[in-house]
Amino acid sequence: QVQLMESGGGMVQPGGSLKLSCAASRSIFSIYTMGWYRQAPGKQRELVATITISGSTNYVRSVKGRFTISRDNAKNTVDLQMNNLKPEDTAVYYCNADTGQNDHWGQGTQVTVSS
């Protein structure tokens, strides 16, 4: 079992940047896939970005070129650098760990992009 806690959310103007961090309660060195998801009001939770144990990344089309996911196994953290934010990025962002056995989720952090 691993507990995840997101931080770094807030309100930002369109075109601004935020960096989200996910802190894990134990080592993530052997966790195959870490990821970020988001859920906007009235919508389903969707994949934003994933990063595998080998460092391979995938992004939803709408954030490609703007968001960067990274993992620091030594610090047990997964970050999401978000640049050129748009109003449609407004959502609660959740950290996810896929251990191959179970999916684990954090509580989420709110990101609001508004002028």
C-alpha atoms as a PDB file:
ATOM      1  CA  GLN A   1       0.000   0.000   0.000  1.00  0.00           C
ATOM      2  CA  VAL A   2       1.169   3.495  -0.851  1.00  0.00           C
ATOM      3  CA  GLN A   3      -0.376   6.791   0.181  1.00  0.00           C
ATOM      4  CA  LEU A   4      -0.179   9.750  -2.194  1.00  0.00           C
ATOM      5  CA  MET A   5      -0.533  13.446  -1.442  1.00  0.00           C
ATOM      6  CA  GLU A   6      -0.795  16.163  -4.081  1.00  0.00           C
ATOM      7  CA  SER A   7       0.246  19.776  -3.609  1.00  0.00           C
ATOM      8  CA  GLY A   8       0.936  22.887  -5.649  1.00  0.00           C
ATOM      9  CA  GLY A   9      -2.519  23.695  -6.939  1.00  0.00           C
ATOM     10  CA  GLY A  10      -4.014  27.152  -6.952  1.00  0.00           C
ATOM     11  CA  MET A  11      -5.408  29.898  -9.131  1.00  0.00           C
ATOM     12  CA  VAL A  12      -3.468  31.259 -12.083  1.00  0.00           C
ATOM     13  CA  GLN A  13      -4.173  33.510 -15.062  1.00  0.00           C
ATOM     14  CA  PRO A  14      -4.313  32.074 -18.583  1.00  0.00           C
ATOM     15  CA  GLY A  15      -0.792  31.676 -19.903  1.00  0.00           C
ATOM     16  CA  GLY A  16       0.615  31.193 -16.435  1.00  0.00           C
ATOM     17  CA  SER A  17       2.395  28.218 -14.915  1.00  0.00           C
ATOM     18  CA  LEU A  18       2.005  25.889 -11.966  1.00  0.00           C
ATOM     19  CA  LYS A  19       4.004  22.941 -10.717  1.00  0.00           C
ATOM     20  CA  LEU A  20       2.147  20.112  -9.027  1.00  0.00           C
ATOM     21  CA  SER A  21       3.911  17.640  -6.780  1.00  0.00           C
ATOM     22  CA  CYS A  22       2.873  14.192  -5.608  1.00  0.00           C
ATOM     23  CA  ALA A  23       4.554  12.821  -2.507  1.00  0.00           C
ATOM     24  CA  ALA A  24       4.424   9.076  -1.894  1.00  0.00           C
ATOM     25  CA  SER A  25       4.590   7.415   1.506  1.00  0.00           C
ATOM     26  CA  ARG A  26       7.082   4.838   0.334  1.00  0.00           C
ATOM     27  CA  SER A  27       9.596   4.234  -2.434  1.00  0.00           C
ATOM     28  CA  ILE A  28       8.283   4.574  -5.973  1.00  0.00           C
ATOM     29  CA  PHE A  29      11.437   3.103  -7.485  1.00  0.00           C
ATOM     30  CA  SER A  30       9.695  -0.142  -8.452  1.00  0.00           C
ATOM     31  CA  ILE A  31       6.278   1.304  -9.348  1.00  0.00           C
ATOM     32  CA  TYR A  32       5.842   0.733 -13.049  1.00  0.00           C
ATOM     33  CA  THR A  33       3.622   3.685 -13.905  1.00  0.00           C
ATOM     34  CA  MET A  34       3.020   6.970 -12.127  1.00  0.00           C
ATOM     35  CA  GLY A  35       0.531   9.420 -13.509  1.00  0.00           C
ATOM     36  CA  TRP A  36      -1.576  12.521 -13.224  1.00  0.00           C
ATOM     37  CA  TYR A  37      -5.303  12.615 -13.906  1.00  0.00           C
ATOM     38  CA  ARG A  38      -7.815  15.422 -13.695  1.00  0.00           C
ATOM     39  CA  GLN A  39     -11.537  15.854 -13.255  1.00  0.00           C
ATOM     40  CA  ALA A  40     -13.374  19.007 -14.278  1.00  0.00           C
ATOM     41  CA  PRO A  41     -16.828  19.862 -12.896  1.00  0.00           C
ATOM     42  CA  GLY A  42     -19.492  17.649 -14.451  1.00  0.00           C
ATOM     43  CA  LYS A  43     -16.949  15.573 -16.367  1.00  0.00           C
ATOM     44  CA  GLN A  44     -15.292  12.180 -16.075  1.00  0.00           C
ATOM     45  CA  ARG A  45     -11.810  11.814 -14.683  1.00  0.00           C
ATOM     46  CA  GLU A  46      -9.314  11.781 -17.539  1.00  0.00           C
ATOM     47  CA  LEU A  47      -5.688  10.870 -18.022  1.00  0.00           C
ATOM     48  CA  VAL A  48      -3.340  13.841 -18.258  1.00  0.00           C
ATOM     49  CA  ALA A  49       0.119  12.288 -18.251  1.00  0.00           C
ATOM     50  CA  THR A  50       1.942   9.106 -17.292  1.00  0.00           C
ATOM     51  CA  ILE A  51       5.555   8.165 -16.784  1.00  0.00           C
ATOM     52  CA  THR A  52       6.871   4.613 -16.652  1.00  0.00           C
ATOM     53  CA  ILE A  53       9.697   3.089 -14.687  1.00  0.00           C
ATOM     54  CA  SER A  54      11.900   3.478 -17.767  1.00  0.00           C
ATOM     55  CA  GLY A  55      11.055   7.151 -18.136  1.00  0.00           C
ATOM     56  CA  SER A  56       8.683   6.868 -21.076  1.00  0.00           C
ATOM     57  CA  THR A  57       5.944   9.486 -21.029  1.00  0.00           C
ATOM     58  CA  ASN A  58       2.491   9.883 -22.518  1.00  0.00           C
ATOM     59  CA  TYR A  59       0.226  12.924 -22.552  1.00  0.00           C
ATOM     60  CA  VAL A  60      -3.320  13.670 -23.476  1.00  0.00           C
ATOM     61  CA  ARG A  61      -3.306  15.556 -26.786  1.00  0.00           C
ATOM     62  CA  SER A  62      -4.604  18.774 -25.274  1.00  0.00           C
ATOM     63  CA  VAL A  63      -1.554  19.250 -23.012  1.00  0.00           C
ATOM     64  CA  LYS A  64       1.252  18.089 -25.298  1.00  0.00           C
ATOM     65  CA  GLY A  65       3.994  20.692 -25.465  1.00  0.00           C
ATOM     66  CA  ARG A  66       2.679  22.479 -22.386  1.00  0.00           C
ATOM     67  CA  PHE A  67       2.897  19.928 -19.551  1.00  0.00           C
ATOM     68  CA  THR A  68       5.871  17.871 -18.431  1.00  0.00           C
ATOM     69  CA  ILE A  69       5.684  14.911 -16.071  1.00  0.00           C
ATOM     70  CA  SER A  70       8.748  13.768 -14.163  1.00  0.00           C
ATOM     71  CA  ARG A  71       9.595  11.405 -11.332  1.00  0.00           C
ATOM     72  CA  ASP A  72      12.282  11.586  -8.686  1.00  0.00           C
ATOM     73  CA  ASN A  73      12.601   8.105  -7.251  1.00  0.00           C
ATOM     74  CA  ALA A  74      15.115   9.224  -4.628  1.00  0.00           C
ATOM     75  CA  LYS A  75      12.617  11.714  -3.196  1.00  0.00           C
ATOM     76  CA  ASN A  76       9.537   9.552  -3.849  1.00  0.00           C
ATOM     77  CA  THR A  77       7.868  12.341  -5.792  1.00  0.00           C
ATOM     78  CA  VAL A  78       6.175  12.816  -9.138  1.00  0.00           C
ATOM     79  CA  ASP A  79       5.830  16.316 -10.538  1.00  0.00           C
ATOM     80  CA  LEU A  80       3.702  17.884 -13.233  1.00  0.00           C
ATOM     81  CA  GLN A  81       5.050  21.130 -14.641  1.00  0.00           C
ATOM     82  CA  MET A  82       2.186  22.982 -16.318  1.00  0.00           C
ATOM     83  CA  ASN A  83       2.968  25.889 -18.628  1.00  0.00           C
ATOM     84  CA  ASN A  84       0.781  28.103 -20.794  1.00  0.00           C
ATOM     85  CA  LEU A  85      -2.265  27.163 -18.777  1.00  0.00           C
ATOM     86  CA  LYS A  86      -5.702  27.541 -20.317  1.00  0.00           C
ATOM     87  CA  PRO A  87      -9.151  27.885 -18.726  1.00  0.00           C
ATOM     88  CA  GLU A  88     -10.005  24.382 -19.934  1.00  0.00           C
ATOM     89  CA  ASP A  89      -7.216  23.046 -17.715  1.00  0.00           C
ATOM     90  CA  THR A  90      -9.316  23.944 -14.677  1.00  0.00           C
ATOM     91  CA  ALA A  91      -9.919  20.751 -12.707  1.00  0.00           C
ATOM     92  CA  VAL A  92      -9.009  18.777  -9.640  1.00  0.00           C
ATOM     93  CA  TYR A  93      -5.731  17.011 -10.372  1.00  0.00           C
ATOM     94  CA  TYR A  94      -5.054  13.563  -8.928  1.00  0.00           C
ATOM     95  CA  CYS A  95      -1.853  11.598  -8.581  1.00  0.00           C
ATOM     96  CA  ASN A  96      -1.956   7.901  -9.468  1.00  0.00           C
ATOM     97  CA  ALA A  97       0.336   4.944  -8.876  1.00  0.00           C
ATOM     98  CA  ASP A  98      -0.073   1.722 -10.831  1.00  0.00           C
ATOM     99  CA  THR A  99       1.870  -0.939  -8.972  1.00  0.00           C
ATOM    100  CA  GLY A 100       0.743  -3.737 -11.277  1.00  0.00           C
ATOM    101  CA  GLN A 101      -1.271  -5.055  -8.353  1.00  0.00           C
ATOM    102  CA  ASN A 102      -3.492  -2.071  -7.539  1.00  0.00           C
ATOM    103  CA  ASP A 103      -4.190   1.531  -8.464  1.00  0.00           C
ATOM    104  CA  HIS A 104      -3.590   4.108  -5.733  1.00  0.00           C
ATOM    105  CA  TRP A 105      -4.950   7.655  -5.701  1.00  0.00           C
ATOM    106  CA  GLY A 106      -4.304  10.867  -3.836  1.00  0.00           C
ATOM    107  CA  GLN A 107      -6.950  13.268  -2.550  1.00  0.00           C
ATOM    108  CA  GLY A 108      -6.459  15.769  -5.360  1.00  0.00           C
ATOM    109  CA  THR A 109      -5.436  19.397  -5.672  1.00  0.00           C
ATOM    110  CA  GLN A 110      -7.499  22.150  -7.288  1.00  0.00           C
ATOM    111  CA  VAL A 111      -6.172  24.026 -10.303  1.00  0.00           C
ATOM    112  CA  THR A 112      -8.160  27.044 -11.465  1.00  0.00           C
ATOM    113  CA  VAL A 113      -7.192  28.986 -14.586  1.00  0.00           C
ATOM    114  CA  SER A 114      -9.117  32.223 -14.889  1.00  0.00           C
ATOM    115  CA  SER A 115      -8.621  35.804 -16.001  1.00  0.00           C
END
